[in-house]
Amino acid sequence: MNDTPLHIMDRMRGMMRARSPLERMRMGASMFGTSHLLVAAGIRRDHPDYNEARLRREIFLRFYGDNFDPIQGKHIADWIETHTMEIKDSSTVVEK
């Protein structure tokens, strides 16, 4: 659905282009973080019995499940559910 008038879309594009690349990246990261929280809340509401590992699996499937064939997606989801990762800093991720 696209019900936004063209002149408004042009204005919005101009406002976004006026922001620095860092500002645009921060906005995108914030939107992704918010969507992640909303998806997690929905899964928790529908499945209050899910533990954190199962929650991680379901979040992955909601965000990325359609990007893989069913076998590949299940393999990745299984791995996510059985492994815990910790982010040490911006370039280091370790398995717990």
PDB file of N, CA and C in Angstrom:
ATOM      1  N   MET A   1       0.849  -1.173   0.000  1.00  0.00           N
ATOM      2  CA  MET A   1       0.000   0.000   0.000  1.00  0.00           C
ATOM      3  C   MET A   1       0.897   1.239   0.000  1.00  0.00           C
ATOM      4  N   ASN A   2       0.579   2.175  -0.822  1.00  0.00           N
ATOM      5  CA  ASN A   2       1.336   3.419  -0.876  1.00  0.00           C
ATOM      6  C   ASN A   2       0.345   4.563  -1.028  1.00  0.00           C
ATOM      7  N   ASP A   3      -0.032   5.150   0.087  1.00  0.00           N
ATOM      8  CA  ASP A   3      -0.996   6.241   0.050  1.00  0.00           C
ATOM      9  C   ASP A   3      -0.362   7.583   0.386  1.00  0.00           C
ATOM     10  N   THR A   4       0.970   7.643   0.362  1.00  0.00           N
ATOM     11  CA  THR A   4       1.670   8.889   0.667  1.00  0.00           C
ATOM     12  C   THR A   4       1.850   9.696  -0.617  1.00  0.00           C
ATOM     13  N   PRO A   5       1.413  10.937  -0.617  1.00  0.00           N
ATOM     14  CA  PRO A   5       1.578  11.774  -1.813  1.00  0.00           C
ATOM     15  C   PRO A   5       3.060  11.917  -2.194  1.00  0.00           C
ATOM     16  N   LEU A   6       3.305  12.014  -3.480  1.00  0.00           N
ATOM     17  CA  LEU A   6       4.668  12.087  -3.997  1.00  0.00           C
ATOM     18  C   LEU A   6       5.452  13.256  -3.396  1.00  0.00           C
ATOM     19  N   HIS A   7       4.821  14.422  -3.231  1.00  0.00           N
ATOM     20  CA  HIS A   7       5.547  15.574  -2.691  1.00  0.00           C
ATOM     21  C   HIS A   7       5.975  15.331  -1.235  1.00  0.00           C
ATOM     22  N   ILE A   8       5.197  14.554  -0.500  1.00  0.00           N
ATOM     23  CA  ILE A   8       5.572  14.218   0.882  1.00  0.00           C
ATOM     24  C   ILE A   8       6.733  13.220   0.873  1.00  0.00           C
ATOM     25  N   MET A   9       6.670  12.234  -0.019  1.00  0.00           N
ATOM     26  CA  MET A   9       7.774  11.276  -0.139  1.00  0.00           C
ATOM     27  C   MET A   9       9.072  12.000  -0.502  1.00  0.00           C
ATOM     28  N   ASP A  10       9.006  12.934  -1.449  1.00  0.00           N
ATOM     29  CA  ASP A  10      10.193  13.699  -1.837  1.00  0.00           C
ATOM     30  C   ASP A  10      10.744  14.491  -0.652  1.00  0.00           C
ATOM     31  N   ARG A  11       9.853  15.072   0.119  1.00  0.00           N
ATOM     32  CA  ARG A  11      10.285  15.840   1.298  1.00  0.00           C
ATOM     33  C   ARG A  11      10.965  14.923   2.317  1.00  0.00           C
ATOM     34  N   MET A  12      10.378  13.750   2.555  1.00  0.00           N
ATOM     35  CA  MET A  12      10.967  12.793   3.500  1.00  0.00           C
ATOM     36  C   MET A  12      12.347  12.323   3.026  1.00  0.00           C
ATOM     37  N   ARG A  13      12.469  12.033   1.740  1.00  0.00           N
ATOM     38  CA  ARG A  13      13.772  11.626   1.191  1.00  0.00           C
ATOM     39  C   ARG A  13      14.810  12.722   1.407  1.00  0.00           C
ATOM     40  N   GLY A  14      14.412  13.962   1.161  1.00  0.00           N
ATOM     41  CA  GLY A  14      15.327  15.083   1.370  1.00  0.00           C
ATOM     42  C   GLY A  14      15.757  15.201   2.820  1.00  0.00           C
ATOM     43  N   MET A  15      14.817  15.001   3.731  1.00  0.00           N
ATOM     44  CA  MET A  15      15.146  15.077   5.163  1.00  0.00           C
ATOM     45  C   MET A  15      16.118  13.952   5.547  1.00  0.00           C
ATOM     46  N   MET A  16      15.913  12.771   4.988  1.00  0.00           N
ATOM     47  CA  MET A  16      16.825  11.663   5.293  1.00  0.00           C
ATOM     48  C   MET A  16      18.210  11.915   4.699  1.00  0.00           C
ATOM     49  N   ARG A  17      18.252  12.420   3.465  1.00  0.00           N
ATOM     50  CA  ARG A  17      19.550  12.702   2.836  1.00  0.00           C
ATOM     51  C   ARG A  17      20.307  13.796   3.581  1.00  0.00           C
ATOM     52  N   ALA A  18      19.582  14.671   4.264  1.00  0.00           N
ATOM     53  CA  ALA A  18      20.233  15.757   5.000  1.00  0.00           C
ATOM     54  C   ALA A  18      20.930  15.239   6.264  1.00  0.00           C
ATOM     55  N   ARG A  19      20.554  14.063   6.709  1.00  0.00           N
ATOM     56  CA  ARG A  19      21.192  13.484   7.905  1.00  0.00           C
ATOM     57  C   ARG A  19      22.535  12.876   7.523  1.00  0.00           C
ATOM     58  N   SER A  20      23.408  12.796   8.501  1.00  0.00           N
ATOM     59  CA  SER A  20      24.713  12.193   8.248  1.00  0.00           C
ATOM     60  C   SER A  20      24.560  10.676   8.132  1.00  0.00           C
ATOM     61  N   PRO A  21      25.528  10.011   7.508  1.00  0.00           N
ATOM     62  CA  PRO A  21      25.472   8.547   7.441  1.00  0.00           C
ATOM     63  C   PRO A  21      25.380   7.912   8.839  1.00  0.00           C
ATOM     64  N   LEU A  22      26.073   8.486   9.810  1.00  0.00           N
ATOM     65  CA  LEU A  22      26.024   7.951  11.167  1.00  0.00           C
ATOM     66  C   LEU A  22      24.618   8.074  11.752  1.00  0.00           C
ATOM     67  N   GLU A  23      23.976   9.221  11.530  1.00  0.00           N
ATOM     68  CA  GLU A  23      22.606   9.399  12.032  1.00  0.00           C
ATOM     69  C   GLU A  23      21.653   8.394  11.390  1.00  0.00           C
ATOM     70  N   ARG A  24      21.812   8.179  10.082  1.00  0.00           N
ATOM     71  CA  ARG A  24      20.940   7.218   9.397  1.00  0.00           C
ATOM     72  C   ARG A  24      21.190   5.798   9.905  1.00  0.00           C
ATOM     73  N   MET A  25      22.450   5.465  10.160  1.00  0.00           N
ATOM     74  CA  MET A  25      22.756   4.148  10.688  1.00  0.00           C
ATOM     75  C   MET A  25      22.159   3.972  12.083  1.00  0.00           C
ATOM     76  N   ARG A  26      22.279   5.003  12.919  1.00  0.00           N
ATOM     77  CA  ARG A  26      21.701   4.928  14.267  1.00  0.00           C
ATOM     78  C   ARG A  26      20.185   4.771  14.213  1.00  0.00           C
ATOM     79  N   MET A  27      19.546   5.476  13.290  1.00  0.00           N
ATOM     80  CA  MET A  27      18.095   5.351  13.149  1.00  0.00           C
ATOM     81  C   MET A  27      17.720   3.920  12.750  1.00  0.00           C
ATOM     82  N   GLY A  28      18.451   3.366  11.798  1.00  0.00           N
ATOM     83  CA  GLY A  28      18.182   1.996  11.364  1.00  0.00           C
ATOM     84  C   GLY A  28      18.391   0.998  12.488  1.00  0.00           C
ATOM     85  N   ALA A  29      19.476   1.163  13.242  1.00  0.00           N
ATOM     86  CA  ALA A  29      19.758   0.258  14.362  1.00  0.00           C
ATOM     87  C   ALA A  29      18.674   0.374  15.427  1.00  0.00           C
ATOM     88  N   SER A  30      18.213   1.577  15.675  1.00  0.00           N
ATOM     89  CA  SER A  30      17.152   1.781  16.657  1.00  0.00           C
ATOM     90  C   SER A  30      15.850   1.119  16.202  1.00  0.00           C
ATOM     91  N   MET A  31      15.524   1.264  14.923  1.00  0.00           N
ATOM     92  CA  MET A  31      14.301   0.636  14.402  1.00  0.00           C
ATOM     93  C   MET A  31      14.400  -0.880  14.471  1.00  0.00           C
ATOM     94  N   PHE A  32      15.592  -1.427  14.156  1.00  0.00           N
ATOM     95  CA  PHE A  32      15.767  -2.881  14.237  1.00  0.00           C
ATOM     96  C   PHE A  32      15.620  -3.332  15.688  1.00  0.00           C
ATOM     97  N   GLY A  33      16.233  -2.602  16.622  1.00  0.00           N
ATOM     98  CA  GLY A  33      16.123  -2.961  18.028  1.00  0.00           C
ATOM     99  C   GLY A  33      14.686  -2.938  18.516  1.00  0.00           C
ATOM    100  N   THR A  34      13.944  -1.920  18.094  1.00  0.00           N
ATOM    101  CA  THR A  34      12.532  -1.825  18.483  1.00  0.00           C
ATOM    102  C   THR A  34      11.731  -2.977  17.898  1.00  0.00           C
ATOM    103  N   SER A  35      11.971  -3.295  16.635  1.00  0.00           N
ATOM    104  CA  SER A  35      11.223  -4.404  16.025  1.00  0.00           C
ATOM    105  C   SER A  35      11.570  -5.727  16.698  1.00  0.00           C
ATOM    106  N   HIS A  36      12.821  -5.890  17.093  1.00  0.00           N
ATOM    107  CA  HIS A  36      13.243  -7.103  17.806  1.00  0.00           C
ATOM    108  C   HIS A  36      12.484  -7.231  19.129  1.00  0.00           C
ATOM    109  N   LEU A  37      12.383  -6.129  19.871  1.00  0.00           N
ATOM    110  CA  LEU A  37      11.648  -6.147  21.139  1.00  0.00           C
ATOM    111  C   LEU A  37      10.169  -6.456  20.931  1.00  0.00           C
ATOM    112  N   LEU A  38       9.573  -5.890  19.890  1.00  0.00           N
ATOM    113  CA  LEU A  38       8.156  -6.132  19.615  1.00  0.00           C
ATOM    114  C   LEU A  38       7.898  -7.586  19.222  1.00  0.00           C
ATOM    115  N   VAL A  39       8.779  -8.137  18.390  1.00  0.00           N
ATOM    116  CA  VAL A  39       8.634  -9.540  17.996  1.00  0.00           C
ATOM    117  C   VAL A  39       8.799 -10.445  19.214  1.00  0.00           C
ATOM    118  N   ALA A  40       9.810 -10.170  20.042  1.00  0.00           N
ATOM    119  CA  ALA A  40      10.029 -10.980  21.243  1.00  0.00           C
ATOM    120  C   ALA A  40       8.819 -10.906  22.173  1.00  0.00           C
ATOM    121  N   ALA A  41       8.259  -9.725  22.333  1.00  0.00           N
ATOM    122  CA  ALA A  41       7.083  -9.573  23.199  1.00  0.00           C
ATOM    123  C   ALA A  41       5.900 -10.371  22.659  1.00  0.00           C
ATOM    124  N   GLY A  42       5.711 -10.364  21.357  1.00  0.00           N
ATOM    125  CA  GLY A  42       4.620 -11.130  20.761  1.00  0.00           C
ATOM    126  C   GLY A  42       4.802 -12.627  20.955  1.00  0.00           C
ATOM    127  N   ILE A  43       6.030 -13.095  20.788  1.00  0.00           N
ATOM    128  CA  ILE A  43       6.302 -14.523  20.990  1.00  0.00           C
ATOM    129  C   ILE A  43       6.084 -14.894  22.452  1.00  0.00           C
ATOM    130  N   ARG A  44       6.572 -14.054  23.359  1.00  0.00           N
ATOM    131  CA  ARG A  44       6.371 -14.328  24.796  1.00  0.00           C
ATOM    132  C   ARG A  44       4.888 -14.347  25.163  1.00  0.00           C
ATOM    133  N   ARG A  45       4.112 -13.437  24.567  1.00  0.00           N
ATOM    134  CA  ARG A  45       2.677 -13.406  24.831  1.00  0.00           C
ATOM    135  C   ARG A  45       2.006 -14.693  24.358  1.00  0.00           C
ATOM    136  N   ASP A  46       2.371 -15.134  23.149  1.00  0.00           N
ATOM    137  CA  ASP A  46       1.741 -16.322  22.575  1.00  0.00           C
ATOM    138  C   ASP A  46       2.280 -17.631  23.146  1.00  0.00           C
ATOM    139  N   HIS A  47       3.509 -17.594  23.656  1.00  0.00           N
ATOM    140  CA  HIS A  47       4.161 -18.811  24.155  1.00  0.00           C
ATOM    141  C   HIS A  47       4.891 -18.512  25.473  1.00  0.00           C
ATOM    142  N   PRO A  48       4.167 -18.264  26.550  1.00  0.00           N
ATOM    143  CA  PRO A  48       4.819 -17.914  27.819  1.00  0.00           C
ATOM    144  C   PRO A  48       5.702 -19.031  28.375  1.00  0.00           C
ATOM    145  N   ASP A  49       5.558 -20.240  27.847  1.00  0.00           N
ATOM    146  CA  ASP A  49       6.360 -21.371  28.310  1.00  0.00           C
ATOM    147  C   ASP A  49       7.732 -21.453  27.640  1.00  0.00           C
ATOM    148  N   TYR A  50       7.991 -20.656  26.605  1.00  0.00           N
ATOM    149  CA  TYR A  50       9.275 -20.720  25.901  1.00  0.00           C
ATOM    150  C   TYR A  50      10.391 -20.183  26.789  1.00  0.00           C
ATOM    151  N   ASN A  51      11.504 -20.910  26.825  1.00  0.00           N
ATOM    152  CA  ASN A  51      12.686 -20.410  27.531  1.00  0.00           C
ATOM    153  C   ASN A  51      13.451 -19.467  26.596  1.00  0.00           C
ATOM    154  N   GLU A  52      14.532 -18.888  27.092  1.00  0.00           N
ATOM    155  CA  GLU A  52      15.282 -17.898  26.297  1.00  0.00           C
ATOM    156  C   GLU A  52      15.872 -18.503  25.032  1.00  0.00           C
ATOM    157  N   ALA A  53      16.320 -19.752  25.106  1.00  0.00           N
ATOM    158  CA  ALA A  53      16.886 -20.406  23.925  1.00  0.00           C
ATOM    159  C   ALA A  53      15.819 -20.573  22.840  1.00  0.00           C
ATOM    160  N   ARG A  54      14.633 -21.012  23.239  1.00  0.00           N
ATOM    161  CA  ARG A  54      13.545 -21.186  22.265  1.00  0.00           C
ATOM    162  C   ARG A  54      13.104 -19.831  21.718  1.00  0.00           C
ATOM    163  N   LEU A  55      13.119 -18.817  22.561  1.00  0.00           N
ATOM    164  CA  LEU A  55      12.773 -17.467  22.123  1.00  0.00           C
ATOM    165  C   LEU A  55      13.745 -16.984  21.044  1.00  0.00           C
ATOM    166  N   ARG A  56      15.056 -17.188  21.261  1.00  0.00           N
ATOM    167  CA  ARG A  56      16.062 -16.806  20.255  1.00  0.00           C
ATOM    168  C   ARG A  56      15.792 -17.502  18.931  1.00  0.00           C
ATOM    169  N   ARG A  57      15.461 -18.790  19.006  1.00  0.00           N
ATOM    170  CA  ARG A  57      15.166 -19.566  17.803  1.00  0.00           C
ATOM    171  C   ARG A  57      13.987 -18.954  17.047  1.00  0.00           C
ATOM    172  N   GLU A  58      12.905 -18.664  17.763  1.00  0.00           N
ATOM    173  CA  GLU A  58      11.702 -18.146  17.119  1.00  0.00           C
ATOM    174  C   GLU A  58      11.917 -16.752  16.559  1.00  0.00           C
ATOM    175  N   ILE A  59      12.696 -15.934  17.251  1.00  0.00           N
ATOM    176  CA  ILE A  59      13.013 -14.600  16.725  1.00  0.00           C
ATOM    177  C   ILE A  59      13.768 -14.738  15.413  1.00  0.00           C
ATOM    178  N   PHE A  60      14.755 -15.631  15.368  1.00  0.00           N
ATOM    179  CA  PHE A  60      15.498 -15.861  14.124  1.00  0.00           C
ATOM    180  C   PHE A  60      14.543 -16.257  13.001  1.00  0.00           C
ATOM    181  N   LEU A  61      13.659 -17.209  13.287  1.00  0.00           N
ATOM    182  CA  LEU A  61      12.745 -17.687  12.252  1.00  0.00           C
ATOM    183  C   LEU A  61      11.813 -16.584  11.772  1.00  0.00           C
ATOM    184  N   ARG A  62      11.356 -15.722  12.671  1.00  0.00           N
ATOM    185  CA  ARG A  62      10.469 -14.620  12.266  1.00  0.00           C
ATOM    186  C   ARG A  62      11.194 -13.615  11.371  1.00  0.00           C
ATOM    187  N   PHE A  63      12.455 -13.325  11.717  1.00  0.00           N
ATOM    188  CA  PHE A  63      13.199 -12.323  10.949  1.00  0.00           C
ATOM    189  C   PHE A  63      13.797 -12.886   9.663  1.00  0.00           C
ATOM    190  N   TYR A  64      14.343 -14.103   9.735  1.00  0.00           N
ATOM    191  CA  TYR A  64      15.153 -14.605   8.629  1.00  0.00           C
ATOM    192  C   TYR A  64      14.701 -15.942   8.057  1.00  0.00           C
ATOM    193  N   GLY A  65      13.652 -16.542   8.611  1.00  0.00           N
ATOM    194  CA  GLY A  65      13.241 -17.873   8.185  1.00  0.00           C
ATOM    195  C   GLY A  65      12.970 -18.005   6.698  1.00  0.00           C
ATOM    196  N   ASP A  66      12.411 -16.980   6.080  1.00  0.00           N
ATOM    197  CA  ASP A  66      12.095 -17.040   4.652  1.00  0.00           C
ATOM    198  C   ASP A  66      13.317 -16.848   3.759  1.00  0.00           C
ATOM    199  N   ASN A  67      14.452 -16.510   4.341  1.00  0.00           N
ATOM    200  CA  ASN A  67      15.661 -16.279   3.543  1.00  0.00           C
ATOM    201  C   ASN A  67      16.431 -17.562   3.250  1.00  0.00           C
ATOM    202  N   PHE A  68      16.001 -18.670   3.832  1.00  0.00           N
ATOM    203  CA  PHE A  68      16.698 -19.946   3.679  1.00  0.00           C
ATOM    204  C   PHE A  68      15.717 -21.016   3.251  1.00  0.00           C
ATOM    205  N   ASP A  69      16.250 -22.049   2.596  1.00  0.00           N
ATOM    206  CA  ASP A  69      15.358 -23.171   2.312  1.00  0.00           C
ATOM    207  C   ASP A  69      15.019 -23.830   3.647  1.00  0.00           C
ATOM    208  N   PRO A  70      13.926 -24.593   3.727  1.00  0.00           N
ATOM    209  CA  PRO A  70      13.468 -25.131   5.013  1.00  0.00           C
ATOM    210  C   PRO A  70      14.523 -25.940   5.774  1.00  0.00           C
ATOM    211  N   ILE A  71      15.301 -26.739   5.099  1.00  0.00           N
ATOM    212  CA  ILE A  71      16.317 -27.560   5.779  1.00  0.00           C
ATOM    213  C   ILE A  71      17.415 -26.673   6.350  1.00  0.00           C
ATOM    214  N   GLN A  72      17.897 -25.740   5.552  1.00  0.00           N
ATOM    215  CA  GLN A  72      18.944 -24.819   6.003  1.00  0.00           C
ATOM    216  C   GLN A  72      18.446 -23.962   7.160  1.00  0.00           C
ATOM    217  N   GLY A  73      17.227 -23.438   7.061  1.00  0.00           N
ATOM    218  CA  GLY A  73      16.660 -22.613   8.128  1.00  0.00           C
ATOM    219  C   GLY A  73      16.515 -23.382   9.426  1.00  0.00           C
ATOM    220  N   LYS A  74      16.078 -24.643   9.346  1.00  0.00           N
ATOM    221  CA  LYS A  74      15.943 -25.471  10.543  1.00  0.00           C
ATOM    222  C   LYS A  74      17.308 -25.736  11.163  1.00  0.00           C
ATOM    223  N   HIS A  75      18.298 -26.002  10.330  1.00  0.00           N
ATOM    224  CA  HIS A  75      19.660 -26.248  10.833  1.00  0.00           C
ATOM    225  C   HIS A  75      20.181 -25.025  11.599  1.00  0.00           C
ATOM    226  N   ILE A  76      20.014 -23.855  11.032  1.00  0.00           N
ATOM    227  CA  ILE A  76      20.470 -22.625  11.690  1.00  0.00           C
ATOM    228  C   ILE A  76      19.678 -22.393  12.978  1.00  0.00           C
ATOM    229  N   ALA A  77      18.357 -22.545  12.915  1.00  0.00           N
ATOM    230  CA  ALA A  77      17.512 -22.336  14.103  1.00  0.00           C
ATOM    231  C   ALA A  77      17.884 -23.318  15.212  1.00  0.00           C
ATOM    232  N   ASP A  78      18.149 -24.577  14.854  1.00  0.00           N
ATOM    233  CA  ASP A  78      18.584 -25.567  15.851  1.00  0.00           C
ATOM    234  C   ASP A  78      19.887 -25.133  16.513  1.00  0.00           C
ATOM    235  N   TRP A  79      20.822 -24.629  15.700  1.00  0.00           N
ATOM    236  CA  TRP A  79      22.110 -24.189  16.238  1.00  0.00           C
ATOM    237  C   TRP A  79      21.902 -23.003  17.187  1.00  0.00           C
ATOM    238  N   ILE A  80      21.100 -22.058  16.781  1.00  0.00           N
ATOM    239  CA  ILE A  80      20.839 -20.877  17.620  1.00  0.00           C
ATOM    240  C   ILE A  80      20.226 -21.292  18.948  1.00  0.00           C
ATOM    241  N   GLU A  81      19.329 -22.260  18.913  1.00  0.00           N
ATOM    242  CA  GLU A  81      18.654 -22.694  20.141  1.00  0.00           C
ATOM    243  C   GLU A  81      19.605 -23.419  21.096  1.00  0.00           C
ATOM    244  N   THR A  82      20.631 -24.047  20.554  1.00  0.00           N
ATOM    245  CA  THR A  82      21.524 -24.845  21.408  1.00  0.00           C
ATOM    246  C   THR A  82      22.846 -24.165  21.739  1.00  0.00           C
ATOM    247  N   HIS A  83      23.076 -22.961  21.238  1.00  0.00           N
ATOM    248  CA  HIS A  83      24.320 -22.241  21.500  1.00  0.00           C
ATOM    249  C   HIS A  83      24.018 -20.856  22.065  1.00  0.00           C
ATOM    250  N   THR A  84      24.806 -20.432  22.993  1.00  0.00           N
ATOM    251  CA  THR A  84      24.682 -19.094  23.560  1.00  0.00           C
ATOM    252  C   THR A  84      25.933 -18.315  23.201  1.00  0.00           C
ATOM    253  N   MET A  85      25.728 -17.131  22.662  1.00  0.00           N
ATOM    254  CA  MET A  85      26.851 -16.284  22.266  1.00  0.00           C
ATOM    255  C   MET A  85      26.895 -15.054  23.158  1.00  0.00           C
ATOM    256  N   GLU A  86      28.092 -14.546  23.345  1.00  0.00           N
ATOM    257  CA  GLU A  86      28.267 -13.329  24.124  1.00  0.00           C
ATOM    258  C   GLU A  86      29.077 -12.351  23.294  1.00  0.00           C
ATOM    259  N   ILE A  87      28.616 -11.119  23.224  1.00  0.00           N
ATOM    260  CA  ILE A  87      29.349 -10.086  22.495  1.00  0.00           C
ATOM    261  C   ILE A  87      30.285  -9.410  23.485  1.00  0.00           C
ATOM    262  N   LYS A  88      31.582  -9.567  23.260  1.00  0.00           N
ATOM    263  CA  LYS A  88      32.586  -8.976  24.149  1.00  0.00           C
ATOM    264  C   LYS A  88      32.802  -7.501  23.819  1.00  0.00           C
ATOM    265  N   ASP A  89      32.917  -7.191  22.545  1.00  0.00           N
ATOM    266  CA  ASP A  89      33.052  -5.812  22.085  1.00  0.00           C
ATOM    267  C   ASP A  89      32.599  -5.783  20.628  1.00  0.00           C
ATOM    268  N   SER A  90      32.798  -4.683  19.949  1.00  0.00           N
ATOM    269  CA  SER A  90      32.241  -4.517  18.610  1.00  0.00           C
ATOM    270  C   SER A  90      32.800  -5.495  17.583  1.00  0.00           C
ATOM    271  N   SER A  91      33.905  -6.173  17.891  1.00  0.00           N
ATOM    272  CA  SER A  91      34.486  -7.092  16.901  1.00  0.00           C
ATOM    273  C   SER A  91      34.714  -8.496  17.441  1.00  0.00           C
ATOM    274  N   THR A  92      34.250  -8.793  18.653  1.00  0.00           N
ATOM    275  CA  THR A  92      34.510 -10.096  19.262  1.00  0.00           C
ATOM    276  C   THR A  92      33.224 -10.721  19.786  1.00  0.00           C
ATOM    277  N   VAL A  93      32.884 -11.874  19.213  1.00  0.00           N
ATOM    278  CA  VAL A  93      31.745 -12.652  19.679  1.00  0.00           C
ATOM    279  C   VAL A  93      32.280 -14.020  20.089  1.00  0.00           C
ATOM    280  N   VAL A  94      31.934 -14.459  21.295  1.00  0.00           N
ATOM    281  CA  VAL A  94      32.439 -15.758  21.780  1.00  0.00           C
ATOM    282  C   VAL A  94      31.262 -16.639  22.180  1.00  0.00           C
ATOM    283  N   GLU A  95      31.480 -17.943  22.026  1.00  0.00           N
ATOM    284  CA  GLU A  95      30.468 -18.901  22.434  1.00  0.00           C
ATOM    285  C   GLU A  95      30.617 -19.145  23.910  1.00  0.00           C
ATOM    286  N   LYS A  96      29.488 -19.155  24.644  1.00  0.00           N
ATOM    287  CA  LYS A  96      29.508 -19.389  26.090  1.00  0.00           C
ATOM    288  C   LYS A  96      29.452 -20.877  26.360  1.00  0.00           C
TER     289      LYS A  96
END
